[in-house]
Amino acid sequence: MKNSYDVVKKILLTEKGTRLSEEQNKYLFRVDPKANKVEIRAAVEELFKVRVMAVNTMRRKGKKKRERTANYGMTAAWKRAVVTVHEDDKINLI
């Protein structure tokens, strides 16, 4: 099993993530691209001491970035996890 801090990179604080956490008790995390749902679930439960009901993941493509030449660079691709927490539990974002 991987270290929990290696699986969960950071909490994503976005408008959509804030709305999901307030209305549906779902939280967004940037996670290791090699981590699976079982590892993400165990890491969130260990780090935040909450009960996880579901984990949904998606791979996010890197964006094209313009350079001074005609060539384009790319930002790194990453993985996002939407974690649904039990209705009695909360994660303090601030």
N, C-alpha and C. Protein backbone atom coordinates (compact mmCIF):
# COMPACT_ATOMS: atom_id res chain seq x y z
N MET A 1 0.84 -1.18 0.00
CA MET A 1 0.00 0.00 0.00
C MET A 1 0.88 1.25 0.00
N LYS A 2 0.49 2.26 -0.74
CA LYS A 2 1.25 3.49 -0.84
C LYS A 2 1.03 4.38 0.38
N ASN A 3 1.94 5.31 0.58
CA ASN A 3 1.80 6.31 1.62
C ASN A 3 0.63 7.23 1.27
N SER A 4 -0.18 7.60 2.24
CA SER A 4 -1.37 8.42 1.99
C SER A 4 -1.02 9.78 1.41
N TYR A 5 0.11 10.34 1.84
CA TYR A 5 0.53 11.64 1.34
C TYR A 5 1.02 11.57 -0.10
N ASP A 6 1.42 10.39 -0.56
CA ASP A 6 1.82 10.22 -1.96
C ASP A 6 0.60 10.03 -2.86
N VAL A 7 -0.48 9.49 -2.32
CA VAL A 7 -1.69 9.25 -3.11
C VAL A 7 -2.46 10.56 -3.29
N VAL A 8 -2.75 11.25 -2.20
CA VAL A 8 -3.49 12.51 -2.26
C VAL A 8 -2.49 13.65 -2.31
N LYS A 9 -2.45 14.35 -3.45
CA LYS A 9 -1.50 15.45 -3.62
C LYS A 9 -2.00 16.72 -2.93
N LYS A 10 -3.27 17.11 -3.22
CA LYS A 10 -3.82 18.31 -2.58
C LYS A 10 -5.33 18.34 -2.78
N ILE A 11 -5.99 19.16 -1.97
CA ILE A 11 -7.43 19.41 -2.12
C ILE A 11 -7.59 20.52 -3.15
N LEU A 12 -8.53 20.34 -4.06
CA LEU A 12 -8.78 21.36 -5.07
C LEU A 12 -9.86 22.31 -4.57
N LEU A 13 -9.50 23.56 -4.41
CA LEU A 13 -10.45 24.59 -3.97
C LEU A 13 -10.89 25.39 -5.19
N THR A 14 -12.00 24.96 -5.78
CA THR A 14 -12.56 25.62 -6.95
C THR A 14 -14.01 25.97 -6.66
N GLU A 15 -14.61 26.73 -7.55
CA GLU A 15 -16.02 27.08 -7.37
C GLU A 15 -16.89 25.83 -7.42
N LYS A 16 -16.62 24.97 -8.37
CA LYS A 16 -17.40 23.74 -8.48
C LYS A 16 -17.20 22.85 -7.25
N GLY A 17 -15.97 22.74 -6.79
CA GLY A 17 -15.68 21.92 -5.63
C GLY A 17 -16.33 22.45 -4.36
N THR A 18 -16.35 23.77 -4.20
CA THR A 18 -17.00 24.38 -3.04
C THR A 18 -18.50 24.13 -3.07
N ARG A 19 -19.10 24.26 -4.24
CA ARG A 19 -20.53 24.01 -4.38
C ARG A 19 -20.86 22.55 -4.09
N LEU A 20 -20.06 21.63 -4.60
CA LEU A 20 -20.29 20.20 -4.34
C LEU A 20 -20.15 19.86 -2.86
N SER A 21 -19.17 20.48 -2.19
CA SER A 21 -18.98 20.17 -0.77
C SER A 21 -20.13 20.70 0.08
N GLU A 22 -20.69 21.84 -0.29
CA GLU A 22 -21.80 22.41 0.48
C GLU A 22 -23.11 21.67 0.22
N GLU A 23 -23.38 21.33 -1.04
CA GLU A 23 -24.68 20.77 -1.40
C GLU A 23 -24.73 19.25 -1.31
N GLN A 24 -23.66 18.56 -1.73
CA GLN A 24 -23.72 17.10 -1.86
C GLN A 24 -22.70 16.37 -1.01
N ASN A 25 -21.91 17.09 -0.22
CA ASN A 25 -20.89 16.50 0.64
C ASN A 25 -19.85 15.71 -0.18
N LYS A 26 -19.43 16.31 -1.31
CA LYS A 26 -18.40 15.73 -2.17
C LYS A 26 -17.21 16.67 -2.18
N TYR A 27 -16.01 16.10 -2.23
CA TYR A 27 -14.79 16.89 -2.19
C TYR A 27 -13.89 16.49 -3.35
N LEU A 28 -13.17 17.48 -3.91
CA LEU A 28 -12.28 17.25 -5.04
C LEU A 28 -10.83 17.18 -4.57
N PHE A 29 -10.10 16.20 -5.09
CA PHE A 29 -8.70 16.02 -4.75
C PHE A 29 -7.89 15.83 -6.02
N ARG A 30 -6.67 16.36 -6.02
CA ARG A 30 -5.70 16.03 -7.06
C ARG A 30 -4.91 14.85 -6.52
N VAL A 31 -4.90 13.74 -7.27
CA VAL A 31 -4.30 12.50 -6.78
C VAL A 31 -3.23 12.01 -7.75
N ASP A 32 -2.47 11.03 -7.28
CA ASP A 32 -1.44 10.41 -8.10
C ASP A 32 -2.10 9.69 -9.27
N PRO A 33 -1.61 9.91 -10.50
CA PRO A 33 -2.23 9.27 -11.67
C PRO A 33 -2.21 7.74 -11.63
N LYS A 34 -1.31 7.15 -10.86
CA LYS A 34 -1.23 5.69 -10.79
C LYS A 34 -2.11 5.11 -9.68
N ALA A 35 -2.71 5.96 -8.86
CA ALA A 35 -3.52 5.48 -7.74
C ALA A 35 -4.88 5.00 -8.23
N ASN A 36 -5.38 3.92 -7.62
CA ASN A 36 -6.71 3.44 -7.96
C ASN A 36 -7.71 3.90 -6.89
N LYS A 37 -8.98 3.55 -7.10
CA LYS A 37 -10.03 4.04 -6.21
C LYS A 37 -9.89 3.50 -4.79
N VAL A 38 -9.44 2.28 -4.64
CA VAL A 38 -9.27 1.68 -3.32
C VAL A 38 -8.19 2.41 -2.54
N GLU A 39 -7.08 2.73 -3.19
CA GLU A 39 -6.00 3.47 -2.54
C GLU A 39 -6.42 4.89 -2.18
N ILE A 40 -7.19 5.54 -3.06
CA ILE A 40 -7.66 6.89 -2.79
C ILE A 40 -8.60 6.88 -1.60
N ARG A 41 -9.50 5.92 -1.55
CA ARG A 41 -10.44 5.80 -0.43
C ARG A 41 -9.71 5.63 0.90
N ALA A 42 -8.74 4.72 0.93
CA ALA A 42 -7.99 4.46 2.16
C ALA A 42 -7.20 5.70 2.59
N ALA A 43 -6.62 6.41 1.63
CA ALA A 43 -5.82 7.60 1.95
C ALA A 43 -6.68 8.71 2.52
N VAL A 44 -7.84 8.96 1.94
CA VAL A 44 -8.72 10.03 2.43
C VAL A 44 -9.25 9.67 3.82
N GLU A 45 -9.61 8.41 4.02
CA GLU A 45 -10.10 8.00 5.34
C GLU A 45 -9.03 8.15 6.41
N GLU A 46 -7.79 7.83 6.05
CA GLU A 46 -6.69 7.94 7.01
C GLU A 46 -6.31 9.39 7.30
N LEU A 47 -6.25 10.22 6.27
CA LEU A 47 -5.79 11.60 6.44
C LEU A 47 -6.83 12.49 7.12
N PHE A 48 -8.10 12.33 6.77
CA PHE A 48 -9.13 13.25 7.25
C PHE A 48 -10.07 12.64 8.28
N LYS A 49 -9.90 11.35 8.59
CA LYS A 49 -10.72 10.67 9.61
C LYS A 49 -12.22 10.79 9.32
N VAL A 50 -12.59 10.47 8.07
CA VAL A 50 -13.98 10.49 7.65
C VAL A 50 -14.33 9.14 7.02
N ARG A 51 -15.61 8.90 6.86
CA ARG A 51 -16.08 7.68 6.19
C ARG A 51 -16.38 8.02 4.73
N VAL A 52 -15.73 7.33 3.82
CA VAL A 52 -15.90 7.57 2.39
C VAL A 52 -16.96 6.63 1.85
N MET A 53 -17.95 7.19 1.16
CA MET A 53 -19.03 6.39 0.59
C MET A 53 -18.73 5.99 -0.86
N ALA A 54 -18.12 6.90 -1.65
CA ALA A 54 -17.85 6.61 -3.06
C ALA A 54 -16.66 7.43 -3.54
N VAL A 55 -15.98 6.90 -4.56
CA VAL A 55 -14.87 7.61 -5.19
C VAL A 55 -15.07 7.54 -6.70
N ASN A 56 -15.06 8.70 -7.34
CA ASN A 56 -15.10 8.78 -8.79
C ASN A 56 -13.82 9.47 -9.26
N THR A 57 -13.19 8.93 -10.29
CA THR A 57 -11.93 9.50 -10.77
C THR A 57 -12.05 9.87 -12.24
N MET A 58 -11.21 10.82 -12.65
CA MET A 58 -11.13 11.19 -14.06
C MET A 58 -9.72 11.67 -14.37
N ARG A 59 -9.26 11.35 -15.55
CA ARG A 59 -7.96 11.82 -16.00
C ARG A 59 -8.16 13.13 -16.75
N ARG A 60 -7.34 14.11 -16.41
CA ARG A 60 -7.43 15.42 -17.02
C ARG A 60 -6.25 15.60 -17.98
N LYS A 61 -6.54 15.99 -19.20
CA LYS A 61 -5.50 16.19 -20.20
C LYS A 61 -4.72 17.45 -19.91
N GLY A 62 -3.44 17.45 -20.29
CA GLY A 62 -2.65 18.66 -20.19
C GLY A 62 -3.06 19.65 -21.27
N LYS A 63 -2.89 20.93 -20.99
CA LYS A 63 -3.27 21.97 -21.94
C LYS A 63 -2.08 22.38 -22.78
N LYS A 64 -2.36 22.84 -23.99
CA LYS A 64 -1.31 23.38 -24.84
C LYS A 64 -0.91 24.75 -24.31
N LYS A 65 0.39 25.00 -24.28
CA LYS A 65 0.91 26.29 -23.85
C LYS A 65 1.76 26.86 -24.97
N ARG A 66 1.51 28.10 -25.31
CA ARG A 66 2.23 28.75 -26.40
C ARG A 66 3.61 29.18 -25.94
N GLU A 67 4.60 28.91 -26.77
CA GLU A 67 5.95 29.39 -26.54
C GLU A 67 6.25 30.49 -27.55
N ARG A 68 7.44 31.02 -27.49
CA ARG A 68 7.80 32.12 -28.41
C ARG A 68 7.98 31.64 -29.83
N THR A 69 8.19 30.37 -30.00
CA THR A 69 8.34 29.83 -31.34
C THR A 69 7.01 29.25 -31.80
N ALA A 70 7.01 28.64 -32.95
CA ALA A 70 5.78 28.05 -33.48
C ALA A 70 5.43 26.75 -32.77
N ASN A 71 6.36 26.21 -31.99
CA ASN A 71 6.09 24.95 -31.28
C ASN A 71 5.24 25.20 -30.05
N TYR A 72 4.43 24.23 -29.71
CA TYR A 72 3.62 24.31 -28.51
C TYR A 72 4.15 23.37 -27.45
N GLY A 73 4.10 23.81 -26.22
CA GLY A 73 4.44 22.95 -25.09
C GLY A 73 3.15 22.43 -24.48
N MET A 74 3.27 21.52 -23.54
CA MET A 74 2.10 20.95 -22.88
C MET A 74 2.31 20.99 -21.37
N THR A 75 1.23 21.27 -20.63
CA THR A 75 1.28 21.08 -19.19
C THR A 75 1.06 19.61 -18.91
N ALA A 76 1.40 19.19 -17.72
CA ALA A 76 1.31 17.77 -17.38
C ALA A 76 -0.15 17.34 -17.24
N ALA A 77 -0.42 16.11 -17.65
CA ALA A 77 -1.73 15.51 -17.42
C ALA A 77 -1.81 15.10 -15.95
N TRP A 78 -3.03 15.09 -15.37
CA TRP A 78 -3.19 14.77 -13.97
C TRP A 78 -4.50 14.03 -13.74
N LYS A 79 -4.72 13.59 -12.53
CA LYS A 79 -5.90 12.81 -12.19
C LYS A 79 -6.66 13.51 -11.07
N ARG A 80 -7.98 13.58 -11.22
CA ARG A 80 -8.84 14.21 -10.22
C ARG A 80 -9.77 13.15 -9.64
N ALA A 81 -10.00 13.25 -8.34
CA ALA A 81 -10.92 12.33 -7.66
C ALA A 81 -12.02 13.13 -6.99
N VAL A 82 -13.25 12.69 -7.19
CA VAL A 82 -14.40 13.25 -6.51
C VAL A 82 -14.80 12.25 -5.43
N VAL A 83 -14.62 12.63 -4.17
CA VAL A 83 -14.84 11.72 -3.05
C VAL A 83 -16.13 12.12 -2.34
N THR A 84 -17.07 11.17 -2.25
CA THR A 84 -18.31 11.39 -1.53
C THR A 84 -18.12 10.90 -0.10
N VAL A 85 -18.40 11.79 0.86
CA VAL A 85 -18.19 11.50 2.28
C VAL A 85 -19.56 11.25 2.92
N HIS A 86 -19.58 10.44 3.98
CA HIS A 86 -20.81 10.14 4.71
C HIS A 86 -21.47 11.45 5.15
N GLU A 87 -22.80 11.48 5.15
CA GLU A 87 -23.53 12.73 5.42
C GLU A 87 -23.27 13.30 6.81
N ASP A 88 -22.83 12.47 7.77
CA ASP A 88 -22.53 12.97 9.11
C ASP A 88 -21.13 13.55 9.23
N ASP A 89 -20.26 13.28 8.28
CA ASP A 89 -18.86 13.71 8.33
C ASP A 89 -18.64 14.95 7.47
N LYS A 90 -17.63 15.72 7.83
CA LYS A 90 -17.23 16.90 7.07
C LYS A 90 -15.71 16.98 7.05
N ILE A 91 -15.18 17.62 5.99
CA ILE A 91 -13.75 17.90 5.90
C ILE A 91 -13.61 19.41 5.99
N ASN A 92 -12.84 19.89 6.95
CA ASN A 92 -12.60 21.31 7.11
C ASN A 92 -11.62 21.79 6.05
N LEU A 93 -12.05 22.64 5.15
CA LEU A 93 -11.19 23.12 4.09
C LEU A 93 -10.36 24.32 4.52
N ILE A 94 -10.82 25.05 5.51
CA ILE A 94 -10.10 26.24 5.95
C ILE A 94 -9.75 26.13 7.42
